[in-house]
Amino acid sequence: MTQGLITPGEPAPDFELADTHGNLVRLSSFYGGKPVVLAFLRGFS
């Protein structure tokens, strides 16, 4: 399945990721609040 690119100014698609404690967090749970910043950190070996 191919997905299109996100266009600036459009709402981000809803998704779910694990936080630093392993708890699942859904983007839509922050709707209507403060802006959300995502940081994808890369692990070091």
PDB file of N, CA and C in Angstrom:
ATOM      1  N   MET A   1       0.849  -1.183   0.000  1.00  0.00           N
ATOM      2  CA  MET A   1       0.000   0.000   0.000  1.00  0.00           C
ATOM      3  C   MET A   1       0.886   1.235   0.000  1.00  0.00           C
ATOM      4  N   THR A   2       0.676   2.112  -0.968  1.00  0.00           N
ATOM      5  CA  THR A   2       1.453   3.336  -1.076  1.00  0.00           C
ATOM      6  C   THR A   2       0.652   4.492  -0.508  1.00  0.00           C
ATOM      7  N   GLN A   3       1.287   5.296   0.327  1.00  0.00           N
ATOM      8  CA  GLN A   3       0.616   6.450   0.928  1.00  0.00           C
ATOM      9  C   GLN A   3       1.199   7.716   0.303  1.00  0.00           C
ATOM     10  N   GLY A   4       0.372   8.743   0.164  1.00  0.00           N
ATOM     11  CA  GLY A   4       0.826  10.013  -0.376  1.00  0.00           C
ATOM     12  C   GLY A   4       1.590  10.820   0.660  1.00  0.00           C
ATOM     13  N   LEU A   5       2.221  11.867   0.182  1.00  0.00           N
ATOM     14  CA  LEU A   5       2.952  12.756   1.074  1.00  0.00           C
ATOM     15  C   LEU A   5       1.989  13.652   1.835  1.00  0.00           C
ATOM     16  N   ILE A   6       2.427  14.131   2.962  1.00  0.00           N
ATOM     17  CA  ILE A   6       1.636  15.071   3.754  1.00  0.00           C
ATOM     18  C   ILE A   6       1.867  16.465   3.172  1.00  0.00           C
ATOM     19  N   THR A   7       0.789  17.168   2.896  1.00  0.00           N
ATOM     20  CA  THR A   7       0.873  18.518   2.346  1.00  0.00           C
ATOM     21  C   THR A   7       0.916  19.520   3.494  1.00  0.00           C
ATOM     22  N   PRO A   8       1.823  20.500   3.432  1.00  0.00           N
ATOM     23  CA  PRO A   8       1.872  21.514   4.493  1.00  0.00           C
ATOM     24  C   PRO A   8       0.513  22.181   4.677  1.00  0.00           C
ATOM     25  N   GLY A   9       0.133  22.373   5.928  1.00  0.00           N
ATOM     26  CA  GLY A   9      -1.134  23.011   6.259  1.00  0.00           C
ATOM     27  C   GLY A   9      -2.277  22.040   6.469  1.00  0.00           C
ATOM     28  N   GLU A  10      -2.113  20.785   6.044  1.00  0.00           N
ATOM     29  CA  GLU A  10      -3.148  19.777   6.259  1.00  0.00           C
ATOM     30  C   GLU A  10      -2.900  19.066   7.584  1.00  0.00           C
ATOM     31  N   PRO A  11      -3.959  18.591   8.231  1.00  0.00           N
ATOM     32  CA  PRO A  11      -3.774  17.840   9.479  1.00  0.00           C
ATOM     33  C   PRO A  11      -2.978  16.560   9.244  1.00  0.00           C
ATOM     34  N   ALA A  12      -2.169  16.213  10.203  1.00  0.00           N
ATOM     35  CA  ALA A  12      -1.383  14.975  10.114  1.00  0.00           C
ATOM     36  C   ALA A  12      -2.314  13.779  10.269  1.00  0.00           C
ATOM     37  N   PRO A  13      -2.002  12.675   9.611  1.00  0.00           N
ATOM     38  CA  PRO A  13      -2.824  11.481   9.809  1.00  0.00           C
ATOM     39  C   PRO A  13      -2.642  10.951  11.230  1.00  0.00           C
ATOM     40  N   ASP A  14      -3.676  10.343  11.756  1.00  0.00           N
ATOM     41  CA  ASP A  14      -3.599   9.809  13.111  1.00  0.00           C
ATOM     42  C   ASP A  14      -2.704   8.571  13.121  1.00  0.00           C
ATOM     43  N   PHE A  15      -1.905   8.419  14.150  1.00  0.00           N
ATOM     44  CA  PHE A  15      -1.058   7.244  14.310  1.00  0.00           C
ATOM     45  C   PHE A  15      -0.788   7.023  15.786  1.00  0.00           C
ATOM     46  N   GLU A  16      -0.207   5.872  16.096  1.00  0.00           N
ATOM     47  CA  GLU A  16       0.068   5.496  17.480  1.00  0.00           C
ATOM     48  C   GLU A  16       1.510   5.003  17.568  1.00  0.00           C
ATOM     49  N   LEU A  17       2.240   5.478  18.576  1.00  0.00           N
ATOM     50  CA  LEU A  17       3.625   5.077  18.822  1.00  0.00           C
ATOM     51  C   LEU A  17       3.826   4.860  20.316  1.00  0.00           C
ATOM     52  N   ALA A  18       4.857   4.120  20.660  1.00  0.00           N
ATOM     53  CA  ALA A  18       5.211   3.915  22.063  1.00  0.00           C
ATOM     54  C   ALA A  18       6.042   5.102  22.562  1.00  0.00           C
ATOM     55  N   ASP A  19       5.761   5.534  23.799  1.00  0.00           N
ATOM     56  CA  ASP A  19       6.575   6.595  24.397  1.00  0.00           C
ATOM     57  C   ASP A  19       7.832   5.974  25.002  1.00  0.00           C
ATOM     58  N   THR A  20       8.618   6.769  25.710  1.00  0.00           N
ATOM     59  CA  THR A  20       9.875   6.278  26.277  1.00  0.00           C
ATOM     60  C   THR A  20       9.690   5.239  27.373  1.00  0.00           C
ATOM     61  N   HIS A  21       8.448   5.101  27.857  1.00  0.00           N
ATOM     62  CA  HIS A  21       8.144   4.102  28.885  1.00  0.00           C
ATOM     63  C   HIS A  21       7.437   2.874  28.308  1.00  0.00           C
ATOM     64  N   GLY A  22       7.255   2.863  26.984  1.00  0.00           N
ATOM     65  CA  GLY A  22       6.600   1.728  26.338  1.00  0.00           C
ATOM     66  C   GLY A  22       5.091   1.828  26.263  1.00  0.00           C
ATOM     67  N   ASN A  23       4.516   2.931  26.745  1.00  0.00           N
ATOM     68  CA  ASN A  23       3.063   3.130  26.685  1.00  0.00           C
ATOM     69  C   ASN A  23       2.671   3.641  25.304  1.00  0.00           C
ATOM     70  N   LEU A  24       1.595   3.094  24.737  1.00  0.00           N
ATOM     71  CA  LEU A  24       1.135   3.558  23.437  1.00  0.00           C
ATOM     72  C   LEU A  24       0.440   4.900  23.572  1.00  0.00           C
ATOM     73  N   VAL A  25       0.785   5.824  22.682  1.00  0.00           N
ATOM     74  CA  VAL A  25       0.215   7.170  22.677  1.00  0.00           C
ATOM     75  C   VAL A  25      -0.299   7.444  21.270  1.00  0.00           C
ATOM     76  N   ARG A  26      -1.531   7.925  21.169  1.00  0.00           N
ATOM     77  CA  ARG A  26      -2.153   8.220  19.871  1.00  0.00           C
ATOM     78  C   ARG A  26      -2.122   9.725  19.635  1.00  0.00           C
ATOM     79  N   LEU A  27      -1.733  10.127  18.432  1.00  0.00           N
ATOM     80  CA  LEU A  27      -1.658  11.551  18.098  1.00  0.00           C
ATOM     81  C   LEU A  27      -2.986  12.261  18.327  1.00  0.00           C
ATOM     82  N   SER A  28      -4.094  11.627  17.983  1.00  0.00           N
ATOM     83  CA  SER A  28      -5.409  12.266  18.122  1.00  0.00           C
ATOM     84  C   SER A  28      -5.757  12.605  19.572  1.00  0.00           C
ATOM     85  N   SER A  29      -5.081  11.993  20.543  1.00  0.00           N
ATOM     86  CA  SER A  29      -5.367  12.304  21.945  1.00  0.00           C
ATOM     87  C   SER A  29      -4.896  13.719  22.319  1.00  0.00           C
ATOM     88  N   PHE A  30      -4.077  14.338  21.466  1.00  0.00           N
ATOM     89  CA  PHE A  30      -3.585  15.688  21.720  1.00  0.00           C
ATOM     90  C   PHE A  30      -4.349  16.750  20.934  1.00  0.00           C
ATOM     91  N   TYR A  31      -5.364  16.326  20.148  1.00  0.00           N
ATOM     92  CA  TYR A  31      -6.112  17.255  19.312  1.00  0.00           C
ATOM     93  C   TYR A  31      -6.750  18.354  20.158  1.00  0.00           C
ATOM     94  N   GLY A  32      -6.592  19.600  19.708  1.00  0.00           N
ATOM     95  CA  GLY A  32      -7.190  20.739  20.406  1.00  0.00           C
ATOM     96  C   GLY A  32      -6.316  21.311  21.501  1.00  0.00           C
ATOM     97  N   GLY A  33      -5.178  20.709  21.762  1.00  0.00           N
ATOM     98  CA  GLY A  33      -4.279  21.202  22.801  1.00  0.00           C
ATOM     99  C   GLY A  33      -3.125  21.989  22.203  1.00  0.00           C
ATOM    100  N   LYS A  34      -2.026  21.974  22.885  1.00  0.00           N
ATOM    101  CA  LYS A  34      -0.826  22.667  22.425  1.00  0.00           C
ATOM    102  C   LYS A  34      -0.221  21.928  21.230  1.00  0.00           C
ATOM    103  N   PRO A  35       0.635  22.595  20.458  1.00  0.00           N
ATOM    104  CA  PRO A  35       1.290  21.925  19.328  1.00  0.00           C
ATOM    105  C   PRO A  35       2.097  20.708  19.794  1.00  0.00           C
ATOM    106  N   VAL A  36       2.211  19.719  18.928  1.00  0.00           N
ATOM    107  CA  VAL A  36       2.936  18.492  19.225  1.00  0.00           C
ATOM    108  C   VAL A  36       4.239  18.478  18.431  1.00  0.00           C
ATOM    109  N   VAL A  37       5.342  18.162  19.093  1.00  0.00           N
ATOM    110  CA  VAL A  37       6.639  18.036  18.437  1.00  0.00           C
ATOM    111  C   VAL A  37       7.086  16.589  18.579  1.00  0.00           C
ATOM    112  N   LEU A  38       7.432  15.962  17.453  1.00  0.00           N
ATOM    113  CA  LEU A  38       7.907  14.581  17.475  1.00  0.00           C
ATOM    114  C   LEU A  38       9.416  14.566  17.313  1.00  0.00           C
ATOM    115  N   ALA A  39      10.080  13.763  18.105  1.00  0.00           N
ATOM    116  CA  ALA A  39      11.534  13.589  17.990  1.00  0.00           C
ATOM    117  C   ALA A  39      11.811  12.099  17.824  1.00  0.00           C
ATOM    118  N   PHE A  40      12.330  11.730  16.682  1.00  0.00           N
ATOM    119  CA  PHE A  40      12.672  10.331  16.419  1.00  0.00           C
ATOM    120  C   PHE A  40      14.152  10.170  16.704  1.00  0.00           C
ATOM    121  N   LEU A  41      14.474   9.595  17.858  1.00  0.00           N
ATOM    122  CA  LEU A  41      15.858   9.429  18.276  1.00  0.00           C
ATOM    123  C   LEU A  41      16.378   8.084  17.809  1.00  0.00           C
ATOM    124  N   ARG A  42      17.585   8.080  17.374  1.00  0.00           N
ATOM    125  CA  ARG A  42      18.208   6.857  16.894  1.00  0.00           C
ATOM    126  C   ARG A  42      19.065   6.280  18.011  1.00  0.00           C
ATOM    127  N   GLY A  43      18.917   4.993  18.259  1.00  0.00           N
ATOM    128  CA  GLY A  43      19.687   4.346  19.315  1.00  0.00           C
ATOM    129  C   GLY A  43      21.153   4.198  18.946  1.00  0.00           C
ATOM    130  N   PHE A  44      21.987   4.093  19.935  1.00  0.00           N
ATOM    131  CA  PHE A  44      23.426   3.916  19.715  1.00  0.00           C
ATOM    132  C   PHE A  44      23.833   2.526  20.205  1.00  0.00           C
ATOM    133  N   SER A  45      24.667   1.869  19.442  1.00  0.00           N
ATOM    134  CA  SER A  45      25.137   0.530  19.828  1.00  0.00           C
ATOM    135  C   SER A  45      26.534   0.587  20.389  1.00  0.00           C
TER     136      SER A  45
END
